[in-house]
Amino acid sequence: MTDEQRPQTPEDPRGRLEEKILTDHARLGPDDTFRFACHPGVSCFNKCCSDVNIFLSPYDVLRLKRRLGMTSSDFLDKYALLPVQKDMKTPVVMLRMNDDEVRTCPFLTDGGCGIYSDRPWPCRMYPLGLAAQKDTPDGWRGDRFYFLLQEEGCRGFEESHQWTVREWLDDQGIDEYDEWGEAYKELTLHEFFADGGVLSPQKMHMLFTACYDLEKFREFVFDSTLLQRFDVDEDFVEEMRHDDEALLRFAFLWLRFSLFGEPTVKAKADVVDAFKGSLDKREVFRSQPATARDEDKA
């Protein structure tokens, strides 16, 4: 199940929302229709941008911190909440609302959303939600369906504009966000967790840093021995130095390798020989820290 909009309680919000969706909402396909519009002429305009829980994906944070001209660390410190829940399998990042009477979104202005073109996935989707299962290892796409989130007091449903689900997703620019969401889902819904696996605090921290704090992950990539030990395309390496999206793509590959043992990153031949005993490990690594030490930096 993907992160959805507007859970009603901070305790296990994704699980509770999943249960509610499956029991209370009609399932919509790409060609099903609904009526909705949101604009300054609607009486409830801006009122939905308060007292909501918005889950942020790694790509949401990338877009927002870039829009605001901030580092990831500064964005997370100022605009994010990192709730810790019992039995939490992966990190949860939520948008921090203002500390005012109605908990308004920090990006809300009198004219509407102040970061509209870079607004997070849940804000783009509304009034649609998406429920989706992980794709299967043999290539079958997991079951997915859309549903309407008809919030109390929302007058957008009284407007005459009719959309198909497909038209709405295209209008809201969902495709790019969904591509990144699918990549992140490969981590959060990995079979490691389905089989009862639990990440150590160190690995949980590594997953969070690589996905959400890109400047720190870039330091890890370029200041450790990682690039000496793994075969990464030189053009890709240069792209990662300056392009956050390239770095995030590598972060997903690195995490699937380092957390779950998938062959998404390939060790250099001399490193493989060193661990097989053919070479002197100290010479290969130039007396640099081993993998576990490097992971501590992430």
C-alpha atoms as a PDB file:
ATOM      1  CA  MET A   1       0.000   0.000   0.000  1.00  0.00           C
ATOM      2  CA  THR A   2       1.355   3.412  -0.880  1.00  0.00           C
ATOM      3  CA  ASP A   3       1.402   6.405   1.474  1.00  0.00           C
ATOM      4  CA  GLU A   4      -2.016   7.997   1.218  1.00  0.00           C
ATOM      5  CA  GLN A   5      -3.524  11.298   2.213  1.00  0.00           C
ATOM      6  CA  ARG A   6      -5.080  12.370   5.455  1.00  0.00           C
ATOM      7  CA  PRO A   7      -4.896   9.664   8.084  1.00  0.00           C
ATOM      8  CA  GLN A   8      -6.872  10.526  11.163  1.00  0.00           C
ATOM      9  CA  THR A   9      -4.454   9.360  13.827  1.00  0.00           C
ATOM     10  CA  PRO A  10      -0.665   9.438  14.175  1.00  0.00           C
ATOM     11  CA  GLU A  11      -0.593   5.863  15.481  1.00  0.00           C
ATOM     12  CA  ASP A  12       0.246   3.493  12.603  1.00  0.00           C
ATOM     13  CA  PRO A  13      -1.388   5.892  10.102  1.00  0.00           C
ATOM     14  CA  ARG A  14      -0.619   3.960   6.932  1.00  0.00           C
ATOM     15  CA  GLY A  15      -1.979   0.684   8.252  1.00  0.00           C
ATOM     16  CA  ARG A  16      -5.167   2.258   9.585  1.00  0.00           C
ATOM     17  CA  LEU A  17      -5.740   4.137   6.339  1.00  0.00           C
ATOM     18  CA  GLU A  18      -5.228   0.962   4.311  1.00  0.00           C
ATOM     19  CA  GLU A  19      -7.913  -0.829   6.303  1.00  0.00           C
ATOM     20  CA  LYS A  20     -10.343   2.063   5.901  1.00  0.00           C
ATOM     21  CA  ILE A  21      -9.751   2.316   2.140  1.00  0.00           C
ATOM     22  CA  LEU A  22     -10.398  -1.360   1.549  1.00  0.00           C
ATOM     23  CA  THR A  23     -13.702  -1.284   3.416  1.00  0.00           C
ATOM     24  CA  ASP A  24     -15.141   2.189   2.758  1.00  0.00           C
ATOM     25  CA  HIS A  25     -14.195   3.304  -0.755  1.00  0.00           C
ATOM     26  CA  ALA A  26     -15.433   2.346  -4.217  1.00  0.00           C
ATOM     27  CA  ARG A  27     -12.652   1.238  -6.554  1.00  0.00           C
ATOM     28  CA  LEU A  28     -12.052   3.380  -9.632  1.00  0.00           C
ATOM     29  CA  GLY A  29     -10.206   2.460 -12.818  1.00  0.00           C
ATOM     30  CA  PRO A  30      -8.445   4.803 -15.280  1.00  0.00           C
ATOM     31  CA  ASP A  31     -11.590   5.418 -17.337  1.00  0.00           C
ATOM     32  CA  ASP A  32     -14.039   5.929 -14.476  1.00  0.00           C
ATOM     33  CA  THR A  33     -15.302   9.491 -14.051  1.00  0.00           C
ATOM     34  CA  PHE A  34     -15.865  11.983 -11.241  1.00  0.00           C
ATOM     35  CA  ARG A  35     -16.755  15.671 -10.929  1.00  0.00           C
ATOM     36  CA  PHE A  36     -14.347  18.016  -9.203  1.00  0.00           C
ATOM     37  CA  ALA A  37     -12.681  21.424  -9.482  1.00  0.00           C
ATOM     38  CA  CYS A  38     -10.634  23.557  -7.117  1.00  0.00           C
ATOM     39  CA  HIS A  39     -10.109  27.282  -7.740  1.00  0.00           C
ATOM     40  CA  PRO A  40     -10.417  30.584  -5.848  1.00  0.00           C
ATOM     41  CA  GLY A  41     -14.102  30.775  -6.721  1.00  0.00           C
ATOM     42  CA  VAL A  42     -14.923  27.677  -4.661  1.00  0.00           C
ATOM     43  CA  SER A  43     -16.114  28.705  -1.198  1.00  0.00           C
ATOM     44  CA  CYS A  44     -13.809  26.304   0.609  1.00  0.00           C
ATOM     45  CA  PHE A  45     -10.670  27.347  -1.327  1.00  0.00           C
ATOM     46  CA  ASN A  46      -7.522  26.926   0.862  1.00  0.00           C
ATOM     47  CA  LYS A  47      -9.452  25.398   3.766  1.00  0.00           C
ATOM     48  CA  CYS A  48      -8.258  21.889   2.940  1.00  0.00           C
ATOM     49  CA  CYS A  49      -4.617  22.995   3.397  1.00  0.00           C
ATOM     50  CA  SER A  50      -4.816  22.835   7.184  1.00  0.00           C
ATOM     51  CA  ASP A  51      -4.729  20.124   9.836  1.00  0.00           C
ATOM     52  CA  VAL A  52      -3.723  17.329   7.432  1.00  0.00           C
ATOM     53  CA  ASN A  53      -1.036  14.675   7.540  1.00  0.00           C
ATOM     54  CA  ILE A  54       1.016  14.684   4.338  1.00  0.00           C
ATOM     55  CA  PHE A  55       3.520  11.867   3.892  1.00  0.00           C
ATOM     56  CA  LEU A  56       6.590  12.957   1.942  1.00  0.00           C
ATOM     57  CA  SER A  57       8.420  10.618  -0.398  1.00  0.00           C
ATOM     58  CA  PRO A  58      12.133  11.066  -1.163  1.00  0.00           C
ATOM     59  CA  TYR A  59      11.201  12.661  -4.482  1.00  0.00           C
ATOM     60  CA  ASP A  60       8.791  15.054  -2.738  1.00  0.00           C
ATOM     61  CA  VAL A  61      11.622  16.241  -0.489  1.00  0.00           C
ATOM     62  CA  LEU A  62      13.998  16.539  -3.447  1.00  0.00           C
ATOM     63  CA  ARG A  63      11.569  18.748  -5.344  1.00  0.00           C
ATOM     64  CA  LEU A  64      10.649  20.877  -2.328  1.00  0.00           C
ATOM     65  CA  LYS A  65      14.166  21.513  -1.080  1.00  0.00           C
ATOM     66  CA  ARG A  66      15.275  22.392  -4.622  1.00  0.00           C
ATOM     67  CA  ARG A  67      12.301  24.746  -5.055  1.00  0.00           C
ATOM     68  CA  LEU A  68      13.152  26.487  -1.780  1.00  0.00           C
ATOM     69  CA  GLY A  69      16.915  26.636  -2.450  1.00  0.00           C
ATOM     70  CA  MET A  70      17.682  24.670   0.727  1.00  0.00           C
ATOM     71  CA  THR A  71      19.811  21.688   1.598  1.00  0.00           C
ATOM     72  CA  SER A  72      17.969  18.505   2.424  1.00  0.00           C
ATOM     73  CA  SER A  73      19.126  18.730   6.050  1.00  0.00           C
ATOM     74  CA  ASP A  74      17.799  22.272   6.423  1.00  0.00           C
ATOM     75  CA  PHE A  75      14.495  21.337   4.792  1.00  0.00           C
ATOM     76  CA  LEU A  76      14.036  18.322   7.054  1.00  0.00           C
ATOM     77  CA  ASP A  77      14.878  20.384  10.160  1.00  0.00           C
ATOM     78  CA  LYS A  78      12.409  23.144   9.287  1.00  0.00           C
ATOM     79  CA  TYR A  79       9.575  21.460   7.443  1.00  0.00           C
ATOM     80  CA  ALA A  80       9.495  17.771   8.343  1.00  0.00           C
ATOM     81  CA  LEU A  81       8.324  15.578  11.180  1.00  0.00           C
ATOM     82  CA  LEU A  82       9.959  12.192  11.685  1.00  0.00           C
ATOM     83  CA  PRO A  83       7.535  10.185  13.837  1.00  0.00           C
ATOM     84  CA  VAL A  84       8.884   7.046  15.469  1.00  0.00           C
ATOM     85  CA  GLN A  85       6.388   4.231  15.896  1.00  0.00           C
ATOM     86  CA  LYS A  86       6.688   0.802  17.432  1.00  0.00           C
ATOM     87  CA  ASP A  87       7.429  -1.859  14.806  1.00  0.00           C
ATOM     88  CA  MET A  88       8.132   0.780  12.149  1.00  0.00           C
ATOM     89  CA  LYS A  89       9.896  -0.999   9.255  1.00  0.00           C
ATOM     90  CA  THR A  90      11.075   2.021   7.268  1.00  0.00           C
ATOM     91  CA  PRO A  91      11.396   5.753   8.039  1.00  0.00           C
ATOM     92  CA  VAL A  92       8.306   7.939   7.861  1.00  0.00           C
ATOM     93  CA  VAL A  93       8.609  11.608   6.885  1.00  0.00           C
ATOM     94  CA  MET A  94       5.660  13.971   7.201  1.00  0.00           C
ATOM     95  CA  LEU A  95       5.203  17.636   6.361  1.00  0.00           C
ATOM     96  CA  ARG A  96       5.301  19.821   9.478  1.00  0.00           C
ATOM     97  CA  MET A  97       2.245  22.054   9.746  1.00  0.00           C
ATOM     98  CA  ASN A  98       2.444  25.549  11.224  1.00  0.00           C
ATOM     99  CA  ASP A  99       1.996  25.804  14.962  1.00  0.00           C
ATOM    100  CA  ASP A 100      -1.142  27.916  14.735  1.00  0.00           C
ATOM    101  CA  GLU A 101      -4.748  27.359  15.724  1.00  0.00           C
ATOM    102  CA  VAL A 102      -5.722  25.473  12.556  1.00  0.00           C
ATOM    103  CA  ARG A 103      -2.306  23.953  11.708  1.00  0.00           C
ATOM    104  CA  THR A 104      -2.014  25.532   8.274  1.00  0.00           C
ATOM    105  CA  CYS A 105       0.427  24.258   5.672  1.00  0.00           C
ATOM    106  CA  PRO A 106       3.656  26.290   5.798  1.00  0.00           C
ATOM    107  CA  PHE A 107       3.437  26.875   2.041  1.00  0.00           C
ATOM    108  CA  LEU A 108      -0.121  28.217   1.992  1.00  0.00           C
ATOM    109  CA  THR A 109      -0.608  31.809   0.795  1.00  0.00           C
ATOM    110  CA  ASP A 110      -3.695  33.968   0.332  1.00  0.00           C
ATOM    111  CA  GLY A 111      -3.581  33.097  -3.364  1.00  0.00           C
ATOM    112  CA  GLY A 112      -3.284  29.354  -2.779  1.00  0.00           C
ATOM    113  CA  CYS A 113      -0.325  26.998  -2.738  1.00  0.00           C
ATOM    114  CA  GLY A 114       2.985  28.860  -2.804  1.00  0.00           C
ATOM    115  CA  ILE A 115       4.906  25.886  -4.199  1.00  0.00           C
ATOM    116  CA  TYR A 116       2.188  24.597  -6.524  1.00  0.00           C
ATOM    117  CA  SER A 117       4.371  23.328  -9.371  1.00  0.00           C
ATOM    118  CA  ASP A 118       6.452  21.329  -6.846  1.00  0.00           C
ATOM    119  CA  ARG A 119       3.653  20.340  -4.469  1.00  0.00           C
ATOM    120  CA  PRO A 120       3.921  16.838  -2.928  1.00  0.00           C
ATOM    121  CA  TRP A 121       2.314  13.737  -4.407  1.00  0.00           C
ATOM    122  CA  PRO A 122      -0.676  13.635  -1.994  1.00  0.00           C
ATOM    123  CA  CYS A 123      -1.567  17.249  -2.844  1.00  0.00           C
ATOM    124  CA  ARG A 124      -1.386  16.492  -6.569  1.00  0.00           C
ATOM    125  CA  MET A 125      -3.552  13.422  -6.243  1.00  0.00           C
ATOM    126  CA  TYR A 126      -6.400  14.927  -4.218  1.00  0.00           C
ATOM    127  CA  PRO A 127      -9.269  14.158  -4.490  1.00  0.00           C
ATOM    128  CA  LEU A 128      -7.962  10.806  -5.696  1.00  0.00           C
ATOM    129  CA  GLY A 129      -6.100   8.274  -3.613  1.00  0.00           C
ATOM    130  CA  LEU A 130      -4.185   5.264  -4.849  1.00  0.00           C
ATOM    131  CA  ALA A 131      -3.976   1.819  -3.302  1.00  0.00           C
ATOM    132  CA  ALA A 132      -1.309  -0.439  -4.802  1.00  0.00           C
ATOM    133  CA  GLN A 133       0.448  -3.691  -4.078  1.00  0.00           C
ATOM    134  CA  LYS A 134       4.073  -4.405  -4.875  1.00  0.00           C
ATOM    135  CA  ASP A 135       4.851  -5.785  -8.324  1.00  0.00           C
ATOM    136  CA  THR A 136       5.709  -9.486  -8.275  1.00  0.00           C
ATOM    137  CA  PRO A 137       9.254 -10.769  -8.952  1.00  0.00           C
ATOM    138  CA  ASP A 138       8.131 -12.419 -12.208  1.00  0.00           C
ATOM    139  CA  GLY A 139       7.083  -9.081 -13.667  1.00  0.00           C
ATOM    140  CA  TRP A 140       3.351  -8.949 -12.909  1.00  0.00           C
ATOM    141  CA  ARG A 141       2.187  -5.534 -11.744  1.00  0.00           C
ATOM    142  CA  GLY A 142       0.594  -5.555  -8.331  1.00  0.00           C
ATOM    143  CA  ASP A 143      -3.122  -4.832  -8.054  1.00  0.00           C
ATOM    144  CA  ARG A 144      -3.947  -1.143  -7.858  1.00  0.00           C
ATOM    145  CA  PHE A 145      -7.051   0.982  -7.773  1.00  0.00           C
ATOM    146  CA  TYR A 146      -8.007   4.594  -7.271  1.00  0.00           C
ATOM    147  CA  PHE A 147     -10.658   5.954  -4.940  1.00  0.00           C
ATOM    148  CA  LEU A 148     -12.249   9.312  -4.096  1.00  0.00           C
ATOM    149  CA  LEU A 149     -11.382  11.138  -0.897  1.00  0.00           C
ATOM    150  CA  GLN A 150     -14.523  13.172  -0.290  1.00  0.00           C
ATOM    151  CA  GLU A 151     -13.555  15.352   2.638  1.00  0.00           C
ATOM    152  CA  GLU A 152     -16.290  16.899   4.722  1.00  0.00           C
ATOM    153  CA  GLY A 153     -16.798  20.507   3.716  1.00  0.00           C
ATOM    154  CA  CYS A 154     -15.101  20.183   0.317  1.00  0.00           C
ATOM    155  CA  ARG A 155     -17.221  22.010  -2.268  1.00  0.00           C
ATOM    156  CA  GLY A 156     -15.048  21.005  -5.198  1.00  0.00           C
ATOM    157  CA  PHE A 157     -17.334  18.020  -5.807  1.00  0.00           C
ATOM    158  CA  GLU A 158     -20.216  20.394  -6.509  1.00  0.00           C
ATOM    159  CA  GLU A 159     -18.411  21.825  -9.549  1.00  0.00           C
ATOM    160  CA  SER A 160     -19.500  20.732 -13.037  1.00  0.00           C
ATOM    161  CA  HIS A 161     -16.096  19.773 -14.478  1.00  0.00           C
ATOM    162  CA  GLN A 162     -15.967  16.048 -15.171  1.00  0.00           C
ATOM    163  CA  TRP A 163     -12.727  14.067 -15.351  1.00  0.00           C
ATOM    164  CA  THR A 164     -11.743  10.525 -16.008  1.00  0.00           C
ATOM    165  CA  VAL A 165      -9.143   9.233 -13.556  1.00  0.00           C
ATOM    166  CA  ARG A 166      -6.686   9.106 -16.446  1.00  0.00           C
ATOM    167  CA  GLU A 167      -7.321  12.757 -17.376  1.00  0.00           C
ATOM    168  CA  TRP A 168      -6.879  13.917 -13.787  1.00  0.00           C
ATOM    169  CA  LEU A 169      -3.563  12.127 -13.363  1.00  0.00           C
ATOM    170  CA  ASP A 170      -2.261  13.618 -16.602  1.00  0.00           C
ATOM    171  CA  ASP A 171      -3.444  17.119 -15.680  1.00  0.00           C
ATOM    172  CA  GLN A 172      -1.769  16.955 -12.273  1.00  0.00           C
ATOM    173  CA  GLY A 173       1.596  15.723 -13.561  1.00  0.00           C
ATOM    174  CA  ILE A 174       1.482  12.476 -11.624  1.00  0.00           C
ATOM    175  CA  ASP A 175       3.541  10.273 -13.957  1.00  0.00           C
ATOM    176  CA  GLU A 176       6.962  11.523 -12.895  1.00  0.00           C
ATOM    177  CA  TYR A 177       6.076  11.251  -9.213  1.00  0.00           C
ATOM    178  CA  ASP A 178       4.710   7.760  -9.721  1.00  0.00           C
ATOM    179  CA  GLU A 179       7.933   6.611 -11.403  1.00  0.00           C
ATOM    180  CA  TRP A 180       9.939   7.665  -8.376  1.00  0.00           C
ATOM    181  CA  GLY A 181       7.293   6.247  -6.075  1.00  0.00           C
ATOM    182  CA  GLU A 182       7.577   2.850  -7.733  1.00  0.00           C
ATOM    183  CA  ALA A 183      11.344   2.872  -7.204  1.00  0.00           C
ATOM    184  CA  TYR A 184      10.929   3.753  -3.530  1.00  0.00           C
ATOM    185  CA  LYS A 185       8.261   1.075  -3.157  1.00  0.00           C
ATOM    186  CA  GLU A 186      10.865  -1.519  -4.185  1.00  0.00           C
ATOM    187  CA  LEU A 187      12.582  -0.660  -0.916  1.00  0.00           C
ATOM    188  CA  THR A 188       9.675  -0.157   1.473  1.00  0.00           C
ATOM    189  CA  LEU A 189       7.732  -3.236   0.303  1.00  0.00           C
ATOM    190  CA  HIS A 190      10.759  -5.456  -0.166  1.00  0.00           C
ATOM    191  CA  GLU A 191      10.283  -9.181   0.480  1.00  0.00           C
ATOM    192  CA  PHE A 192      12.863  -8.807   3.268  1.00  0.00           C
ATOM    193  CA  PHE A 193      10.134  -7.160   5.349  1.00  0.00           C
ATOM    194  CA  ALA A 194       7.430  -9.601   4.202  1.00  0.00           C
ATOM    195  CA  ASP A 195       9.654 -12.405   5.493  1.00  0.00           C
ATOM    196  CA  GLY A 196       9.864 -10.758   8.918  1.00  0.00           C
ATOM    197  CA  GLY A 197      13.163  -8.943   8.435  1.00  0.00           C
ATOM    198  CA  VAL A 198      13.946  -5.948  10.654  1.00  0.00           C
ATOM    199  CA  LEU A 199      16.543  -3.281   9.886  1.00  0.00           C
ATOM    200  CA  SER A 200      19.069  -2.458  12.564  1.00  0.00           C
ATOM    201  CA  PRO A 201      19.085   1.172  13.768  1.00  0.00           C
ATOM    202  CA  GLN A 202      22.265   1.711  11.740  1.00  0.00           C
ATOM    203  CA  LYS A 203      20.669   0.421   8.543  1.00  0.00           C
ATOM    204  CA  MET A 204      17.442   2.340   9.206  1.00  0.00           C
ATOM    205  CA  HIS A 205      19.567   5.486   9.493  1.00  0.00           C
ATOM    206  CA  MET A 206      21.386   4.602   6.279  1.00  0.00           C
ATOM    207  CA  LEU A 207      18.092   4.133   4.429  1.00  0.00           C
ATOM    208  CA  PHE A 208      16.791   7.473   5.693  1.00  0.00           C
ATOM    209  CA  THR A 209      19.975   9.371   4.842  1.00  0.00           C
ATOM    210  CA  ALA A 210      20.378   7.913   1.357  1.00  0.00           C
ATOM    211  CA  CYS A 211      16.744   8.597   0.457  1.00  0.00           C
ATOM    212  CA  TYR A 212      16.054  11.896   2.163  1.00  0.00           C
ATOM    213  CA  ASP A 213      19.306  13.706   3.003  1.00  0.00           C
ATOM    214  CA  LEU A 214      20.989  13.809  -0.383  1.00  0.00           C
ATOM    215  CA  GLU A 215      23.829  16.157   0.507  1.00  0.00           C
ATOM    216  CA  LYS A 216      24.959  13.824   3.272  1.00  0.00           C
ATOM    217  CA  PHE A 217      24.608  10.826   0.968  1.00  0.00           C
ATOM    218  CA  ARG A 218      26.694  12.628  -1.665  1.00  0.00           C
ATOM    219  CA  GLU A 219      29.430  13.104   0.944  1.00  0.00           C
ATOM    220  CA  PHE A 220      29.277   9.385   1.697  1.00  0.00           C
ATOM    221  CA  VAL A 221      29.565   8.457  -1.973  1.00  0.00           C
ATOM    222  CA  PHE A 222      32.458  10.747  -2.800  1.00  0.00           C
ATOM    223  CA  ASP A 223      34.359  10.931   0.509  1.00  0.00           C
ATOM    224  CA  SER A 224      34.413   7.201   1.307  1.00  0.00           C
ATOM    225  CA  THR A 225      36.039   4.326  -0.589  1.00  0.00           C
ATOM    226  CA  LEU A 226      32.752   3.338  -2.219  1.00  0.00           C
ATOM    227  CA  LEU A 227      33.694   4.413  -5.730  1.00  0.00           C
ATOM    228  CA  GLN A 228      37.079   2.695  -5.387  1.00  0.00           C
ATOM    229  CA  ARG A 229      35.395  -0.586  -4.570  1.00  0.00           C
ATOM    230  CA  PHE A 230      32.389  -0.636  -6.893  1.00  0.00           C
ATOM    231  CA  ASP A 231      32.104  -0.458 -10.656  1.00  0.00           C
ATOM    232  CA  VAL A 232      29.964   2.607 -11.367  1.00  0.00           C
ATOM    233  CA  ASP A 233      29.798   4.147 -14.840  1.00  0.00           C
ATOM    234  CA  GLU A 234      32.057   7.208 -14.987  1.00  0.00           C
ATOM    235  CA  ASP A 235      29.418   9.370 -16.665  1.00  0.00           C
ATOM    236  CA  PHE A 236      26.927   8.381 -13.982  1.00  0.00           C
ATOM    237  CA  VAL A 237      29.470   9.297 -11.299  1.00  0.00           C
ATOM    238  CA  GLU A 238      29.967  12.756 -12.770  1.00  0.00           C
ATOM    239  CA  GLU A 239      26.206  13.206 -13.062  1.00  0.00           C
ATOM    240  CA  MET A 240      25.784  12.345  -9.386  1.00  0.00           C
ATOM    241  CA  ARG A 241      28.193  15.098  -8.371  1.00  0.00           C
ATOM    242  CA  HIS A 242      25.733  17.787  -9.436  1.00  0.00           C
ATOM    243  CA  ASP A 243      22.360  16.169 -10.184  1.00  0.00           C
ATOM    244  CA  ASP A 244      20.163  15.194  -7.245  1.00  0.00           C
ATOM    245  CA  GLU A 245      17.921  12.953  -9.324  1.00  0.00           C
ATOM    246  CA  ALA A 246      20.905  10.930 -10.540  1.00  0.00           C
ATOM    247  CA  LEU A 247      22.093  10.678  -6.941  1.00  0.00           C
ATOM    248  CA  LEU A 248      18.687   9.482  -5.775  1.00  0.00           C
ATOM    249  CA  ARG A 249      18.641   6.829  -8.501  1.00  0.00           C
ATOM    250  CA  PHE A 250      21.998   5.586  -7.248  1.00  0.00           C
ATOM    251  CA  ALA A 251      20.753   5.712  -3.639  1.00  0.00           C
ATOM    252  CA  PHE A 252      17.953   3.282  -4.480  1.00  0.00           C
ATOM    253  CA  LEU A 253      20.401   0.944  -6.237  1.00  0.00           C
ATOM    254  CA  TRP A 254      22.893   1.151  -3.373  1.00  0.00           C
ATOM    255  CA  LEU A 255      20.277   0.439  -0.737  1.00  0.00           C
ATOM    256  CA  ARG A 256      18.905  -2.586  -2.563  1.00  0.00           C
ATOM    257  CA  PHE A 257      22.485  -3.903  -2.665  1.00  0.00           C
ATOM    258  CA  SER A 258      23.634  -2.964   0.824  1.00  0.00           C
ATOM    259  CA  LEU A 259      20.407  -3.721   2.723  1.00  0.00           C
ATOM    260  CA  PHE A 260      18.997  -6.674   0.819  1.00  0.00           C
ATOM    261  CA  GLY A 261      21.941  -8.150  -1.073  1.00  0.00           C
ATOM    262  CA  GLU A 262      20.529  -7.572  -4.553  1.00  0.00           C
ATOM    263  CA  PRO A 263      23.072  -7.395  -7.423  1.00  0.00           C
ATOM    264  CA  THR A 264      22.223  -3.779  -8.226  1.00  0.00           C
ATOM    265  CA  VAL A 265      25.794  -2.578  -7.652  1.00  0.00           C
ATOM    266  CA  LYS A 266      28.816  -4.535  -8.886  1.00  0.00           C
ATOM    267  CA  ALA A 267      32.108  -4.787  -7.002  1.00  0.00           C
ATOM    268  CA  LYS A 268      35.289  -4.176  -8.994  1.00  0.00           C
ATOM    269  CA  ALA A 269      37.237  -7.267 -10.011  1.00  0.00           C
ATOM    270  CA  ASP A 270      40.213  -6.523  -7.760  1.00  0.00           C
ATOM    271  CA  VAL A 271      37.894  -6.122  -4.773  1.00  0.00           C
ATOM    272  CA  VAL A 272      36.317  -9.512  -5.463  1.00  0.00           C
ATOM    273  CA  ASP A 273      39.810 -11.040  -5.758  1.00  0.00           C
ATOM    274  CA  ALA A 274      40.847  -9.383  -2.512  1.00  0.00           C
ATOM    275  CA  PHE A 275      38.017 -10.957  -0.593  1.00  0.00           C
ATOM    276  CA  LYS A 276      38.800 -14.284  -2.215  1.00  0.00           C
ATOM    277  CA  GLY A 277      42.346 -13.972  -0.921  1.00  0.00           C
ATOM    278  CA  SER A 278      44.075 -13.268  -4.254  1.00  0.00           C
ATOM    279  CA  LEU A 279      45.174  -9.759  -3.322  1.00  0.00           C
ATOM    280  CA  ASP A 280      46.261  -7.912  -0.219  1.00  0.00           C
ATOM    281  CA  LYS A 281      43.099  -6.228   1.105  1.00  0.00           C
ATOM    282  CA  ARG A 282      45.121  -3.407   2.624  1.00  0.00           C
ATOM    283  CA  GLU A 283      46.639  -2.566  -0.752  1.00  0.00           C
ATOM    284  CA  VAL A 284      43.295  -2.665  -2.532  1.00  0.00           C
ATOM    285  CA  PHE A 285      41.571  -0.451  -0.012  1.00  0.00           C
ATOM    286  CA  ARG A 286      44.622   1.695   0.726  1.00  0.00           C
ATOM    287  CA  SER A 287      44.039   1.077   4.417  1.00  0.00           C
ATOM    288  CA  GLN A 288      40.634   2.726   4.123  1.00  0.00           C
ATOM    289  CA  PRO A 289      37.696   1.703   6.357  1.00  0.00           C
ATOM    290  CA  ALA A 290      35.692  -1.358   5.370  1.00  0.00           C
ATOM    291  CA  THR A 291      32.085  -1.347   4.256  1.00  0.00           C
ATOM    292  CA  ALA A 292      30.584  -1.270   7.737  1.00  0.00           C
ATOM    293  CA  ARG A 293      32.659   1.803   8.581  1.00  0.00           C
ATOM    294  CA  ASP A 294      31.611   3.504   5.343  1.00  0.00           C
ATOM    295  CA  GLU A 295      27.966   2.739   6.092  1.00  0.00           C
ATOM    296  CA  ASP A 296      28.353   4.528   9.403  1.00  0.00           C
ATOM    297  CA  LYS A 297      28.823   7.734   7.417  1.00  0.00           C
ATOM    298  CA  ALA A 298      25.492   7.368   5.658  1.00  0.00           C
END
